[in-house]
Amino acid sequence: MELHGSCHCGNLRYVLDWPGHPAAIPGRACACGFCTRHGAVWTAHPGARLLIEAEDAAAVSRYAFETKTAEFLVCTRCGVVPACTSRIDGRDHAVVNTRTFDDATVRIEQAPVSFDGEDETTRLRRRAERWIADVQFGR
């Protein structure tokens, strides 16, 4: 299933090629301050493919905090955060914010999550196993 998404102004866009045609996409509402302030609900599938493009790369900020092992892609024009990436063993992994899907009819099964207390090694292992591992950047 091909899902398209973008920030509000369209500067930062993505195409997510999700395996199969599930009745619903799993979403994780992270309890950290950054995600709750942005209302983000993240999804990933290790068998998915993701293409991220920016019309104007200079208008994309990469924000990292705490462990600095992930970068949130923030459009500096409209402030929306469509994706987050993590470089693990020389390879980009990513999650996308389901709230930025262009197709609002896609059903999301949302569940709250907290990663408080997770050490860096465990965090990177979890991402390597569960995040999108086929990530390409266009333009």
C-alpha atoms as a PDB file:
ATOM      1  CA  MET A   1       0.000   0.000   0.000  1.00  0.00           C
ATOM      2  CA  GLU A   2       1.429   3.367  -0.987  1.00  0.00           C
ATOM      3  CA  LEU A   3       0.832   6.212   1.467  1.00  0.00           C
ATOM      4  CA  HIS A   4       1.717   9.831   0.779  1.00  0.00           C
ATOM      5  CA  GLY A   5       2.294  12.510   3.377  1.00  0.00           C
ATOM      6  CA  SER A   6       3.696  15.985   3.834  1.00  0.00           C
ATOM      7  CA  CYS A   7       4.113  18.934   6.106  1.00  0.00           C
ATOM      8  CA  HIS A   8       1.364  21.588   5.984  1.00  0.00           C
ATOM      9  CA  CYS A   9       2.948  23.713   3.252  1.00  0.00           C
ATOM     10  CA  GLY A  10       4.131  20.740   1.152  1.00  0.00           C
ATOM     11  CA  ASN A  11       7.834  21.551   1.326  1.00  0.00           C
ATOM     12  CA  LEU A  12       8.670  18.257   3.062  1.00  0.00           C
ATOM     13  CA  ARG A  13       6.986  15.236   1.451  1.00  0.00           C
ATOM     14  CA  TYR A  14       7.239  11.480   1.638  1.00  0.00           C
ATOM     15  CA  VAL A  15       6.017   8.319  -0.042  1.00  0.00           C
ATOM     16  CA  LEU A  16       5.678   5.322   2.268  1.00  0.00           C
ATOM     17  CA  ASP A  17       5.412   1.930   0.575  1.00  0.00           C
ATOM     18  CA  TRP A  18       3.779  -0.223   3.274  1.00  0.00           C
ATOM     19  CA  PRO A  19       3.798  -4.021   2.815  1.00  0.00           C
ATOM     20  CA  GLY A  20       0.380  -5.471   1.992  1.00  0.00           C
ATOM     21  CA  HIS A  21      -2.961  -3.781   2.580  1.00  0.00           C
ATOM     22  CA  PRO A  22      -3.644  -3.840   6.327  1.00  0.00           C
ATOM     23  CA  ALA A  23      -7.068  -2.839   7.659  1.00  0.00           C
ATOM     24  CA  ALA A  24      -5.276  -0.411   9.989  1.00  0.00           C
ATOM     25  CA  ILE A  25      -1.816   1.068  10.462  1.00  0.00           C
ATOM     26  CA  PRO A  26      -0.297   0.814  13.970  1.00  0.00           C
ATOM     27  CA  GLY A  27       0.469   4.202  15.509  1.00  0.00           C
ATOM     28  CA  ARG A  28       2.519   5.028  18.596  1.00  0.00           C
ATOM     29  CA  ALA A  29       1.788   8.204  20.521  1.00  0.00           C
ATOM     30  CA  CYS A  30       5.110   8.844  22.250  1.00  0.00           C
ATOM     31  CA  ALA A  31       4.816  10.417  25.702  1.00  0.00           C
ATOM     32  CA  CYS A  32       7.935  12.600  25.417  1.00  0.00           C
ATOM     33  CA  GLY A  33       7.514  16.359  25.576  1.00  0.00           C
ATOM     34  CA  PHE A  34       8.481  16.942  21.938  1.00  0.00           C
ATOM     35  CA  CYS A  35       5.992  14.435  20.520  1.00  0.00           C
ATOM     36  CA  THR A  36       3.129  15.448  22.796  1.00  0.00           C
ATOM     37  CA  ARG A  37       3.648  19.124  21.963  1.00  0.00           C
ATOM     38  CA  HIS A  38       3.455  18.276  18.254  1.00  0.00           C
ATOM     39  CA  GLY A  39       0.618  15.752  18.596  1.00  0.00           C
ATOM     40  CA  ALA A  40       2.702  13.194  16.708  1.00  0.00           C
ATOM     41  CA  VAL A  41       1.595   9.591  16.238  1.00  0.00           C
ATOM     42  CA  TRP A  42       4.457   7.595  14.721  1.00  0.00           C
ATOM     43  CA  THR A  43       4.386   4.486  12.571  1.00  0.00           C
ATOM     44  CA  ALA A  44       6.924   2.192  10.970  1.00  0.00           C
ATOM     45  CA  HIS A  45       7.221  -1.278   9.495  1.00  0.00           C
ATOM     46  CA  PRO A  46      10.643  -2.894   9.040  1.00  0.00           C
ATOM     47  CA  GLY A  47       9.568  -4.145   5.595  1.00  0.00           C
ATOM     48  CA  ALA A  48       8.381  -0.731   4.378  1.00  0.00           C
ATOM     49  CA  ARG A  49      10.203   1.623   2.000  1.00  0.00           C
ATOM     50  CA  LEU A  50      10.305   5.377   2.474  1.00  0.00           C
ATOM     51  CA  LEU A  51      11.229   8.194   0.114  1.00  0.00           C
ATOM     52  CA  ILE A  52      11.592  11.642   1.702  1.00  0.00           C
ATOM     53  CA  GLU A  53      11.856  14.750  -0.483  1.00  0.00           C
ATOM     54  CA  ALA A  54      12.215  18.430   0.273  1.00  0.00           C
ATOM     55  CA  GLU A  55      11.317  21.127  -2.228  1.00  0.00           C
ATOM     56  CA  ASP A  56      13.671  23.483  -0.370  1.00  0.00           C
ATOM     57  CA  ALA A  57      16.204  21.584   1.752  1.00  0.00           C
ATOM     58  CA  ALA A  58      17.299  24.857   3.378  1.00  0.00           C
ATOM     59  CA  ALA A  59      13.798  25.062   4.909  1.00  0.00           C
ATOM     60  CA  VAL A  60      14.176  21.736   6.720  1.00  0.00           C
ATOM     61  CA  SER A  61      15.600  21.649  10.223  1.00  0.00           C
ATOM     62  CA  ARG A  62      16.905  18.478  11.869  1.00  0.00           C
ATOM     63  CA  TYR A  63      16.169  18.632  15.579  1.00  0.00           C
ATOM     64  CA  ALA A  64      17.823  16.206  18.019  1.00  0.00           C
ATOM     65  CA  PHE A  65      17.589  16.185  21.797  1.00  0.00           C
ATOM     66  CA  GLU A  66      18.631  14.090  24.817  1.00  0.00           C
ATOM     67  CA  THR A  67      20.613  11.119  23.403  1.00  0.00           C
ATOM     68  CA  LYS A  68      20.954  12.816  19.972  1.00  0.00           C
ATOM     69  CA  THR A  69      20.353   9.416  18.324  1.00  0.00           C
ATOM     70  CA  ALA A  70      17.332  10.585  16.322  1.00  0.00           C
ATOM     71  CA  GLU A  71      16.610  13.659  14.224  1.00  0.00           C
ATOM     72  CA  PHE A  72      13.133  15.052  13.791  1.00  0.00           C
ATOM     73  CA  LEU A  73      12.653  16.568  10.333  1.00  0.00           C
ATOM     74  CA  VAL A  74      10.920  19.897  10.928  1.00  0.00           C
ATOM     75  CA  CYS A  75       9.714  22.147   8.130  1.00  0.00           C
ATOM     76  CA  THR A  76      10.882  25.645   9.058  1.00  0.00           C
ATOM     77  CA  ARG A  77       8.154  27.206   6.902  1.00  0.00           C
ATOM     78  CA  CYS A  78       5.102  25.638   8.594  1.00  0.00           C
ATOM     79  CA  GLY A  79       6.553  23.929  11.701  1.00  0.00           C
ATOM     80  CA  VAL A  80       5.188  20.438  10.959  1.00  0.00           C
ATOM     81  CA  VAL A  81       7.237  17.303  11.768  1.00  0.00           C
ATOM     82  CA  PRO A  82       6.440  14.576   9.195  1.00  0.00           C
ATOM     83  CA  ALA A  83       9.330  12.174   9.909  1.00  0.00           C
ATOM     84  CA  CYS A  84      12.098  11.211  12.282  1.00  0.00           C
ATOM     85  CA  THR A  85      15.327   9.441  11.315  1.00  0.00           C
ATOM     86  CA  SER A  86      18.023   7.561  13.192  1.00  0.00           C
ATOM     87  CA  ARG A  87      21.387   6.542  11.730  1.00  0.00           C
ATOM     88  CA  ILE A  88      22.251   3.041  12.971  1.00  0.00           C
ATOM     89  CA  ASP A  89      25.337   1.156  11.822  1.00  0.00           C
ATOM     90  CA  GLY A  90      25.739   3.468   8.819  1.00  0.00           C
ATOM     91  CA  ARG A  91      22.119   3.084   7.695  1.00  0.00           C
ATOM     92  CA  ASP A  92      19.166   5.452   8.017  1.00  0.00           C
ATOM     93  CA  HIS A  93      16.042   4.180   9.759  1.00  0.00           C
ATOM     94  CA  ALA A  94      12.844   6.213  10.039  1.00  0.00           C
ATOM     95  CA  VAL A  95       9.342   6.597  11.387  1.00  0.00           C
ATOM     96  CA  VAL A  96       6.632   8.812   9.921  1.00  0.00           C
ATOM     97  CA  ASN A  97       3.995  10.880  11.646  1.00  0.00           C
ATOM     98  CA  THR A  98       0.582   9.421  10.739  1.00  0.00           C
ATOM     99  CA  ARG A  99      -0.960  12.836  11.366  1.00  0.00           C
ATOM    100  CA  THR A 100       0.786  13.979   8.178  1.00  0.00           C
ATOM    101  CA  PHE A 101      -0.774  11.347   5.884  1.00  0.00           C
ATOM    102  CA  ASP A 102      -2.449  12.989   2.898  1.00  0.00           C
ATOM    103  CA  ASP A 103      -5.191  10.324   2.982  1.00  0.00           C
ATOM    104  CA  ALA A 104      -7.140  11.053   6.156  1.00  0.00           C
ATOM    105  CA  THR A 105      -9.256   7.917   5.670  1.00  0.00           C
ATOM    106  CA  VAL A 106      -6.421   5.523   6.588  1.00  0.00           C
ATOM    107  CA  ARG A 107      -7.372   3.922   9.908  1.00  0.00           C
ATOM    108  CA  ILE A 108      -4.725   4.255  12.620  1.00  0.00           C
ATOM    109  CA  GLU A 109      -4.684   1.980  15.668  1.00  0.00           C
ATOM    110  CA  GLN A 110      -3.137   4.386  18.144  1.00  0.00           C
ATOM    111  CA  ALA A 111      -1.452   3.228  21.341  1.00  0.00           C
ATOM    112  CA  PRO A 112       0.455   5.292  23.905  1.00  0.00           C
ATOM    113  CA  VAL A 113       4.155   4.492  24.431  1.00  0.00           C
ATOM    114  CA  SER A 114       6.903   5.718  26.710  1.00  0.00           C
ATOM    115  CA  PHE A 115      10.593   5.122  26.237  1.00  0.00           C
ATOM    116  CA  ASP A 116      11.633   6.670  29.564  1.00  0.00           C
ATOM    117  CA  GLY A 117      14.421   4.697  31.157  1.00  0.00           C
ATOM    118  CA  GLU A 118      15.427   2.977  27.919  1.00  0.00           C
ATOM    119  CA  ASP A 119      19.224   2.976  27.572  1.00  0.00           C
ATOM    120  CA  GLU A 120      20.839   4.002  24.296  1.00  0.00           C
ATOM    121  CA  THR A 121      21.860   0.470  23.245  1.00  0.00           C
ATOM    122  CA  THR A 122      18.330  -0.857  23.760  1.00  0.00           C
ATOM    123  CA  ARG A 123      16.848   2.160  21.987  1.00  0.00           C
ATOM    124  CA  LEU A 124      19.016   1.714  18.891  1.00  0.00           C
ATOM    125  CA  ARG A 125      18.357  -2.042  18.804  1.00  0.00           C
ATOM    126  CA  ARG A 126      14.587  -1.432  18.991  1.00  0.00           C
ATOM    127  CA  ARG A 127      14.768   1.089  16.156  1.00  0.00           C
ATOM    128  CA  ALA A 128      16.907  -1.207  13.996  1.00  0.00           C
ATOM    129  CA  GLU A 129      14.329  -3.994  14.457  1.00  0.00           C
ATOM    130  CA  ARG A 130      11.095  -1.992  14.146  1.00  0.00           C
ATOM    131  CA  TRP A 131      11.709   1.195  12.164  1.00  0.00           C
ATOM    132  CA  ILE A 132      11.685   1.551   8.376  1.00  0.00           C
ATOM    133  CA  ALA A 133      15.120   0.407   7.207  1.00  0.00           C
ATOM    134  CA  ASP A 134      14.810   1.266   3.503  1.00  0.00           C
ATOM    135  CA  VAL A 135      15.005   5.072   3.610  1.00  0.00           C
ATOM    136  CA  GLN A 136      15.910   7.216   0.617  1.00  0.00           C
ATOM    137  CA  PHE A 137      16.252  10.991   0.386  1.00  0.00           C
ATOM    138  CA  GLY A 138      15.347  12.708  -2.882  1.00  0.00           C
ATOM    139  CA  ARG A 139      16.238  16.129  -4.274  1.00  0.00           C
END
